[in-house]
Amino acid sequence: MTNNFTSISTSSRSLHIQVARTIARRILSGEMPQGSIAPNEMTLCEQFGVSRTALREAIKLLTSKGLLESRPKIGTKVVSRDRWNFLDPQLIEWMDGLSDPAEFCTQFLGLRRAVEPEACALAALHATPEQKAELTVIFQKMEKAAQHFEHDTWTSVDLSFHRLIFNSTNNDFYLPFGNILTTMFATFIKHSSAHGGVCLNEHRLIFEAIIAGDSDGARNASRDHLQSTKHRLPEAV
């Protein structure tokens, strides 16, 4: 394991977040293996060119995400992978470019299959009139985006569509998944909507079922939409 971190003292971003990101990416990539002990505080401060305060804030942030733990007489240790908080949006952002795209998309689709169909069913039952009106506006934008496909435009409107569905469950425990989509969806859609493959008809069935208050229809439409054959996932390397 190499411990030569580049000084980031001139970064315009918050220092402790930049330090945390750099260390996190070392951990996520395996450069700092699970169970290994990080260099001591003085060494890290010198390598990053930051104060002890900034470093301690970074360590505190990484500890809250389950990546590190500090123990007396042992030091700061990289925690085992099964304790990492993979649903933390910031951690997901830091993972960008580190994992195999095929594995990432397959795992993300698996998460969506487990959660999203029921979110659609709940949205059909509990969406407010205002939320249904907003969903209608978003779907109209989807239709336009599908006719004149441009990747960034489609990604934005597709993300808004699915995020609003989670919000429309009006169940607080579903809200975090809408936030997770914000950071994971762009990478997924990069592959699944390549060359204009937008699954508009599948989105239409979900939309119509929610508007009609048809929970079973919304659930089934979502399950159909989330079949792997509906998405152009990257091939494993």
C-alpha atoms as a PDB file:
ATOM      1  CA  MET A   1       0.000   0.000   0.000  1.00  0.00           C
ATOM      2  CA  THR A   2       1.300   3.407  -0.921  1.00  0.00           C
ATOM      3  CA  ASN A   3       0.738   6.299   1.470  1.00  0.00           C
ATOM      4  CA  ASN A   4       1.960   9.165  -0.682  1.00  0.00           C
ATOM      5  CA  PHE A   5      -1.000  11.498  -0.804  1.00  0.00           C
ATOM      6  CA  THR A   6      -0.815  14.674  -2.857  1.00  0.00           C
ATOM      7  CA  SER A   7      -1.038  17.962  -1.021  1.00  0.00           C
ATOM      8  CA  ILE A   8      -4.440  19.576  -1.505  1.00  0.00           C
ATOM      9  CA  SER A   9      -3.925  22.617   0.679  1.00  0.00           C
ATOM     10  CA  THR A  10      -4.580  24.963  -2.257  1.00  0.00           C
ATOM     11  CA  SER A  11      -7.944  23.399  -3.140  1.00  0.00           C
ATOM     12  CA  SER A  12     -10.878  25.786  -3.194  1.00  0.00           C
ATOM     13  CA  ARG A  13     -13.164  23.060  -1.884  1.00  0.00           C
ATOM     14  CA  SER A  14     -13.634  22.467   1.821  1.00  0.00           C
ATOM     15  CA  LEU A  15     -10.359  20.919   2.905  1.00  0.00           C
ATOM     16  CA  HIS A  16     -11.718  18.207   5.145  1.00  0.00           C
ATOM     17  CA  ILE A  17     -14.124  16.997   2.441  1.00  0.00           C
ATOM     18  CA  GLN A  18     -11.344  16.890  -0.133  1.00  0.00           C
ATOM     19  CA  VAL A  19      -9.129  14.970   2.279  1.00  0.00           C
ATOM     20  CA  ALA A  20     -11.988  12.584   3.070  1.00  0.00           C
ATOM     21  CA  ARG A  21     -12.679  12.024  -0.629  1.00  0.00           C
ATOM     22  CA  THR A  22      -9.052  11.211  -1.372  1.00  0.00           C
ATOM     23  CA  ILE A  23      -8.771   8.751   1.506  1.00  0.00           C
ATOM     24  CA  ALA A  24     -12.167   7.233   0.680  1.00  0.00           C
ATOM     25  CA  ARG A  25     -11.178   6.563  -2.921  1.00  0.00           C
ATOM     26  CA  ARG A  26      -7.998   4.869  -1.707  1.00  0.00           C
ATOM     27  CA  ILE A  27     -10.131   2.644   0.503  1.00  0.00           C
ATOM     28  CA  LEU A  28     -12.819   1.965  -2.109  1.00  0.00           C
ATOM     29  CA  SER A  29     -10.215   1.086  -4.736  1.00  0.00           C
ATOM     30  CA  GLY A  30      -8.402  -1.278  -2.378  1.00  0.00           C
ATOM     31  CA  GLU A  31      -5.196   0.767  -2.210  1.00  0.00           C
ATOM     32  CA  MET A  32      -5.824   0.981   1.518  1.00  0.00           C
ATOM     33  CA  PRO A  33      -6.926  -2.601   2.237  1.00  0.00           C
ATOM     34  CA  GLN A  34      -9.623  -3.582   4.693  1.00  0.00           C
ATOM     35  CA  GLY A  35      -8.139  -4.061   8.133  1.00  0.00           C
ATOM     36  CA  SER A  36      -5.066  -1.943   7.392  1.00  0.00           C
ATOM     37  CA  ILE A  37      -3.927   0.857   9.688  1.00  0.00           C
ATOM     38  CA  ALA A  38      -3.769   4.350   8.224  1.00  0.00           C
ATOM     39  CA  PRO A  39      -0.596   6.432   8.661  1.00  0.00           C
ATOM     40  CA  ASN A  40      -0.490   8.423  11.880  1.00  0.00           C
ATOM     41  CA  GLU A  41      -1.977  11.886  12.151  1.00  0.00           C
ATOM     42  CA  MET A  42       1.285  13.786  11.793  1.00  0.00           C
ATOM     43  CA  THR A  43       2.271  11.837   8.689  1.00  0.00           C
ATOM     44  CA  LEU A  44      -1.094  12.415   7.011  1.00  0.00           C
ATOM     45  CA  CYS A  45      -1.055  16.128   7.827  1.00  0.00           C
ATOM     46  CA  GLU A  46       2.340  16.458   6.194  1.00  0.00           C
ATOM     47  CA  GLN A  47       1.342  14.421   3.136  1.00  0.00           C
ATOM     48  CA  PHE A  48      -1.865  16.360   2.553  1.00  0.00           C
ATOM     49  CA  GLY A  49      -0.466  19.702   3.619  1.00  0.00           C
ATOM     50  CA  VAL A  50      -3.409  20.349   5.950  1.00  0.00           C
ATOM     51  CA  SER A  51      -3.931  21.120   9.609  1.00  0.00           C
ATOM     52  CA  ARG A  52      -4.810  18.559  12.268  1.00  0.00           C
ATOM     53  CA  THR A  53      -8.254  20.116  12.495  1.00  0.00           C
ATOM     54  CA  ALA A  54      -8.966  19.471   8.799  1.00  0.00           C
ATOM     55  CA  LEU A  55      -7.617  15.938   9.009  1.00  0.00           C
ATOM     56  CA  ARG A  56      -9.617  15.104  12.128  1.00  0.00           C
ATOM     57  CA  GLU A  57     -12.792  16.380  10.468  1.00  0.00           C
ATOM     58  CA  ALA A  58     -12.039  14.176   7.463  1.00  0.00           C
ATOM     59  CA  ILE A  59     -11.479  11.117   9.659  1.00  0.00           C
ATOM     60  CA  LYS A  60     -14.693  11.901  11.522  1.00  0.00           C
ATOM     61  CA  LEU A  61     -16.604  12.083   8.226  1.00  0.00           C
ATOM     62  CA  LEU A  62     -15.195   8.776   6.998  1.00  0.00           C
ATOM     63  CA  THR A  63     -15.980   7.161  10.344  1.00  0.00           C
ATOM     64  CA  SER A  64     -19.618   8.236   9.997  1.00  0.00           C
ATOM     65  CA  LYS A  65     -19.726   6.475   6.604  1.00  0.00           C
ATOM     66  CA  GLY A  66     -18.369   3.248   8.082  1.00  0.00           C
ATOM     67  CA  LEU A  67     -15.015   3.334   6.293  1.00  0.00           C
ATOM     68  CA  LEU A  68     -12.749   4.019   9.256  1.00  0.00           C
ATOM     69  CA  GLU A  69     -12.650   3.523  12.998  1.00  0.00           C
ATOM     70  CA  SER A  70     -10.190   4.878  15.528  1.00  0.00           C
ATOM     71  CA  ARG A  71      -9.042   2.856  18.515  1.00  0.00           C
ATOM     72  CA  PRO A  72      -6.682   3.811  21.344  1.00  0.00           C
ATOM     73  CA  LYS A  73      -3.179   2.356  21.005  1.00  0.00           C
ATOM     74  CA  ILE A  74      -4.099   0.911  17.589  1.00  0.00           C
ATOM     75  CA  GLY A  75      -4.728   3.934  15.420  1.00  0.00           C
ATOM     76  CA  THR A  76      -7.156   4.551  12.596  1.00  0.00           C
ATOM     77  CA  LYS A  77      -8.189   1.311  10.918  1.00  0.00           C
ATOM     78  CA  VAL A  78      -9.913   0.625   7.603  1.00  0.00           C
ATOM     79  CA  VAL A  79     -13.170  -1.128   8.453  1.00  0.00           C
ATOM     80  CA  SER A  80     -14.337  -4.275   6.660  1.00  0.00           C
ATOM     81  CA  ARG A  81     -16.457  -3.764   3.549  1.00  0.00           C
ATOM     82  CA  ASP A  82     -19.638  -5.180   5.080  1.00  0.00           C
ATOM     83  CA  ARG A  83     -19.837  -2.108   7.338  1.00  0.00           C
ATOM     84  CA  TRP A  84     -19.429   0.536   4.613  1.00  0.00           C
ATOM     85  CA  ASN A  85     -22.485   2.714   4.089  1.00  0.00           C
ATOM     86  CA  PHE A  86     -22.979   2.160   0.362  1.00  0.00           C
ATOM     87  CA  LEU A  87     -26.305   3.995   0.415  1.00  0.00           C
ATOM     88  CA  ASP A  88     -24.646   7.256   1.418  1.00  0.00           C
ATOM     89  CA  PRO A  89     -25.027   9.609  -1.602  1.00  0.00           C
ATOM     90  CA  GLN A  90     -21.634  11.229  -1.004  1.00  0.00           C
ATOM     91  CA  LEU A  91     -19.925   7.843  -0.817  1.00  0.00           C
ATOM     92  CA  ILE A  92     -21.626   6.825  -4.060  1.00  0.00           C
ATOM     93  CA  GLU A  93     -20.305   9.999  -5.680  1.00  0.00           C
ATOM     94  CA  TRP A  94     -16.785   9.222  -4.485  1.00  0.00           C
ATOM     95  CA  MET A  95     -17.009   5.737  -6.016  1.00  0.00           C
ATOM     96  CA  ASP A  96     -17.371   7.188  -9.517  1.00  0.00           C
ATOM     97  CA  GLY A  97     -14.949   5.546 -11.932  1.00  0.00           C
ATOM     98  CA  LEU A  98     -13.642   3.019  -9.406  1.00  0.00           C
ATOM     99  CA  SER A  99     -15.986   0.086 -10.028  1.00  0.00           C
ATOM    100  CA  ASP A 100     -16.621  -1.974 -13.141  1.00  0.00           C
ATOM    101  CA  PRO A 101     -19.578  -0.375 -15.008  1.00  0.00           C
ATOM    102  CA  ALA A 102     -21.196  -3.740 -15.697  1.00  0.00           C
ATOM    103  CA  GLU A 103     -21.105  -4.749 -12.044  1.00  0.00           C
ATOM    104  CA  PHE A 104     -22.284  -1.308 -10.922  1.00  0.00           C
ATOM    105  CA  CYS A 105     -25.281  -1.284 -13.278  1.00  0.00           C
ATOM    106  CA  THR A 106     -26.268  -4.861 -12.486  1.00  0.00           C
ATOM    107  CA  GLN A 107     -26.170  -4.244  -8.743  1.00  0.00           C
ATOM    108  CA  PHE A 108     -28.031  -0.956  -9.059  1.00  0.00           C
ATOM    109  CA  LEU A 109     -30.731  -2.599 -11.167  1.00  0.00           C
ATOM    110  CA  GLY A 110     -31.036  -5.290  -8.494  1.00  0.00           C
ATOM    111  CA  LEU A 111     -31.578  -2.617  -5.843  1.00  0.00           C
ATOM    112  CA  ARG A 112     -34.207  -0.921  -7.972  1.00  0.00           C
ATOM    113  CA  ARG A 113     -36.059  -4.214  -8.535  1.00  0.00           C
ATOM    114  CA  ALA A 114     -36.237  -4.752  -4.798  1.00  0.00           C
ATOM    115  CA  VAL A 115     -37.565  -1.292  -3.963  1.00  0.00           C
ATOM    116  CA  GLU A 116     -39.024   0.600  -6.913  1.00  0.00           C
ATOM    117  CA  PRO A 117     -42.071  -1.540  -7.841  1.00  0.00           C
ATOM    118  CA  GLU A 118     -43.491  -1.156  -4.347  1.00  0.00           C
ATOM    119  CA  ALA A 119     -42.709   2.565  -4.425  1.00  0.00           C
ATOM    120  CA  CYS A 120     -44.791   2.817  -7.616  1.00  0.00           C
ATOM    121  CA  ALA A 121     -47.626   0.923  -5.964  1.00  0.00           C
ATOM    122  CA  LEU A 122     -47.559   3.216  -2.934  1.00  0.00           C
ATOM    123  CA  ALA A 123     -47.399   6.296  -5.139  1.00  0.00           C
ATOM    124  CA  ALA A 124     -50.558   5.108  -6.920  1.00  0.00           C
ATOM    125  CA  LEU A 125     -52.293   4.905  -3.552  1.00  0.00           C
ATOM    126  CA  HIS A 126     -50.910   7.975  -1.794  1.00  0.00           C
ATOM    127  CA  ALA A 127     -49.805  10.566  -4.359  1.00  0.00           C
ATOM    128  CA  THR A 128     -51.480  13.912  -3.736  1.00  0.00           C
ATOM    129  CA  PRO A 129     -53.301  15.753  -6.527  1.00  0.00           C
ATOM    130  CA  GLU A 130     -50.372  18.177  -6.650  1.00  0.00           C
ATOM    131  CA  GLN A 131     -47.875  15.341  -7.022  1.00  0.00           C
ATOM    132  CA  LYS A 132     -49.967  13.734  -9.774  1.00  0.00           C
ATOM    133  CA  ALA A 133     -50.094  17.066 -11.575  1.00  0.00           C
ATOM    134  CA  GLU A 134     -46.316  17.397 -11.285  1.00  0.00           C
ATOM    135  CA  LEU A 135     -45.830  13.837 -12.536  1.00  0.00           C
ATOM    136  CA  THR A 136     -48.020  14.651 -15.521  1.00  0.00           C
ATOM    137  CA  VAL A 137     -45.865  17.651 -16.413  1.00  0.00           C
ATOM    138  CA  ILE A 138     -42.706  15.562 -16.075  1.00  0.00           C
ATOM    139  CA  PHE A 139     -44.075  12.777 -18.262  1.00  0.00           C
ATOM    140  CA  GLN A 140     -45.011  15.304 -20.941  1.00  0.00           C
ATOM    141  CA  LYS A 141     -41.393  16.445 -20.858  1.00  0.00           C
ATOM    142  CA  MET A 142     -40.319  12.805 -21.196  1.00  0.00           C
ATOM    143  CA  GLU A 143     -42.399  12.469 -24.363  1.00  0.00           C
ATOM    144  CA  LYS A 144     -40.730  15.524 -25.866  1.00  0.00           C
ATOM    145  CA  ALA A 145     -37.287  14.371 -24.770  1.00  0.00           C
ATOM    146  CA  ALA A 146     -37.869  10.965 -26.372  1.00  0.00           C
ATOM    147  CA  GLN A 147     -38.891  12.549 -29.675  1.00  0.00           C
ATOM    148  CA  HIS A 148     -35.790  14.715 -29.861  1.00  0.00           C
ATOM    149  CA  PHE A 149     -33.325  12.608 -27.888  1.00  0.00           C
ATOM    150  CA  GLU A 150     -30.458  14.379 -26.177  1.00  0.00           C
ATOM    151  CA  HIS A 151     -28.736  12.412 -23.452  1.00  0.00           C
ATOM    152  CA  ASP A 152     -28.421  15.089 -20.766  1.00  0.00           C
ATOM    153  CA  THR A 153     -32.016  16.238 -21.226  1.00  0.00           C
ATOM    154  CA  TRP A 154     -33.357  12.691 -21.019  1.00  0.00           C
ATOM    155  CA  THR A 155     -31.235  11.895 -17.954  1.00  0.00           C
ATOM    156  CA  SER A 156     -32.552  14.949 -16.130  1.00  0.00           C
ATOM    157  CA  VAL A 157     -36.223  14.292 -16.856  1.00  0.00           C
ATOM    158  CA  ASP A 158     -35.956  10.525 -16.256  1.00  0.00           C
ATOM    159  CA  LEU A 159     -34.326  11.178 -12.887  1.00  0.00           C
ATOM    160  CA  SER A 160     -37.078  13.667 -11.985  1.00  0.00           C
ATOM    161  CA  PHE A 161     -39.742  11.104 -12.917  1.00  0.00           C
ATOM    162  CA  HIS A 162     -38.381   8.353 -10.679  1.00  0.00           C
ATOM    163  CA  ARG A 163     -37.445  10.677  -7.814  1.00  0.00           C
ATOM    164  CA  LEU A 164     -40.983  12.083  -7.726  1.00  0.00           C
ATOM    165  CA  ILE A 165     -42.391   8.558  -7.539  1.00  0.00           C
ATOM    166  CA  PHE A 166     -40.407   7.895  -4.371  1.00  0.00           C
ATOM    167  CA  ASN A 167     -41.530  11.232  -2.957  1.00  0.00           C
ATOM    168  CA  SER A 168     -45.138  10.447  -3.894  1.00  0.00           C
ATOM    169  CA  THR A 169     -45.162   7.368  -1.677  1.00  0.00           C
ATOM    170  CA  ASN A 170     -45.434   9.907   1.159  1.00  0.00           C
ATOM    171  CA  ASN A 171     -43.495   7.368   3.182  1.00  0.00           C
ATOM    172  CA  ASP A 172     -40.411   8.876   4.805  1.00  0.00           C
ATOM    173  CA  PHE A 173     -38.468   5.619   4.564  1.00  0.00           C
ATOM    174  CA  TYR A 174     -38.659   5.683   0.767  1.00  0.00           C
ATOM    175  CA  LEU A 175     -37.348   9.242   0.459  1.00  0.00           C
ATOM    176  CA  PRO A 176     -33.632   8.309   0.791  1.00  0.00           C
ATOM    177  CA  PHE A 177     -33.897   6.113  -2.298  1.00  0.00           C
ATOM    178  CA  GLY A 178     -34.939   9.151  -4.307  1.00  0.00           C
ATOM    179  CA  ASN A 179     -31.782  10.865  -3.092  1.00  0.00           C
ATOM    180  CA  ILE A 180     -29.654   7.841  -3.950  1.00  0.00           C
ATOM    181  CA  LEU A 181     -30.968   7.964  -7.488  1.00  0.00           C
ATOM    182  CA  THR A 182     -29.541  11.444  -7.843  1.00  0.00           C
ATOM    183  CA  THR A 183     -25.986  10.149  -7.645  1.00  0.00           C
ATOM    184  CA  MET A 184     -26.367   6.673  -9.147  1.00  0.00           C
ATOM    185  CA  PHE A 185     -28.887   7.218 -11.915  1.00  0.00           C
ATOM    186  CA  ALA A 186     -26.693   9.276 -14.223  1.00  0.00           C
ATOM    187  CA  THR A 187     -24.141   6.467 -14.524  1.00  0.00           C
ATOM    188  CA  PHE A 188     -26.872   3.887 -15.061  1.00  0.00           C
ATOM    189  CA  ILE A 189     -28.743   5.899 -17.697  1.00  0.00           C
ATOM    190  CA  LYS A 190     -25.481   6.536 -19.539  1.00  0.00           C
ATOM    191  CA  HIS A 191     -25.655   2.895 -20.577  1.00  0.00           C
ATOM    192  CA  SER A 192     -29.364   2.046 -20.444  1.00  0.00           C
ATOM    193  CA  SER A 193     -30.439   4.970 -22.632  1.00  0.00           C
ATOM    194  CA  ALA A 194     -27.525   4.800 -25.030  1.00  0.00           C
ATOM    195  CA  HIS A 195     -28.450   5.563 -28.631  1.00  0.00           C
ATOM    196  CA  GLY A 196     -31.911   6.772 -27.652  1.00  0.00           C
ATOM    197  CA  GLY A 197     -33.173   3.680 -25.829  1.00  0.00           C
ATOM    198  CA  VAL A 198     -35.509   5.395 -23.372  1.00  0.00           C
ATOM    199  CA  CYS A 199     -38.260   2.792 -22.647  1.00  0.00           C
ATOM    200  CA  LEU A 200     -40.929   5.477 -23.064  1.00  0.00           C
ATOM    201  CA  ASN A 201     -43.821   3.008 -23.305  1.00  0.00           C
ATOM    202  CA  GLU A 202     -42.800   1.366 -20.020  1.00  0.00           C
ATOM    203  CA  HIS A 203     -42.658   4.778 -18.347  1.00  0.00           C
ATOM    204  CA  ARG A 204     -46.090   5.576 -19.800  1.00  0.00           C
ATOM    205  CA  LEU A 205     -47.641   2.467 -18.215  1.00  0.00           C
ATOM    206  CA  ILE A 206     -46.162   3.362 -14.828  1.00  0.00           C
ATOM    207  CA  PHE A 207     -47.380   6.945 -15.164  1.00  0.00           C
ATOM    208  CA  GLU A 208     -50.914   5.998 -16.227  1.00  0.00           C
ATOM    209  CA  ALA A 209     -51.282   3.468 -13.406  1.00  0.00           C
ATOM    210  CA  ILE A 210     -50.176   5.975 -10.770  1.00  0.00           C
ATOM    211  CA  ILE A 211     -52.514   8.648 -12.114  1.00  0.00           C
ATOM    212  CA  ALA A 212     -55.379   6.121 -12.130  1.00  0.00           C
ATOM    213  CA  GLY A 213     -54.636   5.018  -8.564  1.00  0.00           C
ATOM    214  CA  ASP A 214     -53.995   1.456  -9.793  1.00  0.00           C
ATOM    215  CA  SER A 215     -51.420   0.125  -7.322  1.00  0.00           C
ATOM    216  CA  ASP A 216     -51.210  -3.382  -8.807  1.00  0.00           C
ATOM    217  CA  GLY A 217     -50.859  -1.965 -12.295  1.00  0.00           C
ATOM    218  CA  ALA A 218     -48.123   0.430 -11.187  1.00  0.00           C
ATOM    219  CA  ARG A 219     -46.247  -2.351  -9.427  1.00  0.00           C
ATOM    220  CA  ASN A 220     -46.434  -4.696 -12.419  1.00  0.00           C
ATOM    221  CA  ALA A 221     -45.482  -1.959 -14.893  1.00  0.00           C
ATOM    222  CA  SER A 222     -42.429  -1.119 -12.792  1.00  0.00           C
ATOM    223  CA  ARG A 223     -41.385  -4.769 -12.580  1.00  0.00           C
ATOM    224  CA  ASP A 224     -41.644  -5.068 -16.344  1.00  0.00           C
ATOM    225  CA  HIS A 225     -39.645  -1.870 -16.826  1.00  0.00           C
ATOM    226  CA  LEU A 226     -36.849  -3.135 -14.575  1.00  0.00           C
ATOM    227  CA  GLN A 227     -36.180  -6.355 -16.472  1.00  0.00           C
ATOM    228  CA  SER A 228     -32.529  -6.423 -17.486  1.00  0.00           C
ATOM    229  CA  THR A 229     -33.519  -7.050 -21.102  1.00  0.00           C
ATOM    230  CA  LYS A 230     -35.147  -3.592 -21.130  1.00  0.00           C
ATOM    231  CA  HIS A 231     -31.806  -1.892 -20.501  1.00  0.00           C
ATOM    232  CA  ARG A 232     -28.599  -1.747 -22.489  1.00  0.00           C
ATOM    233  CA  LEU A 233     -26.223  -2.648 -19.688  1.00  0.00           C
ATOM    234  CA  PRO A 234     -22.469  -2.626 -20.302  1.00  0.00           C
ATOM    235  CA  GLU A 235     -20.793  -5.970 -20.815  1.00  0.00           C
ATOM    236  CA  ALA A 236     -18.528  -7.332 -18.115  1.00  0.00           C
ATOM    237  CA  VAL A 237     -14.835  -6.910 -18.804  1.00  0.00           C
END
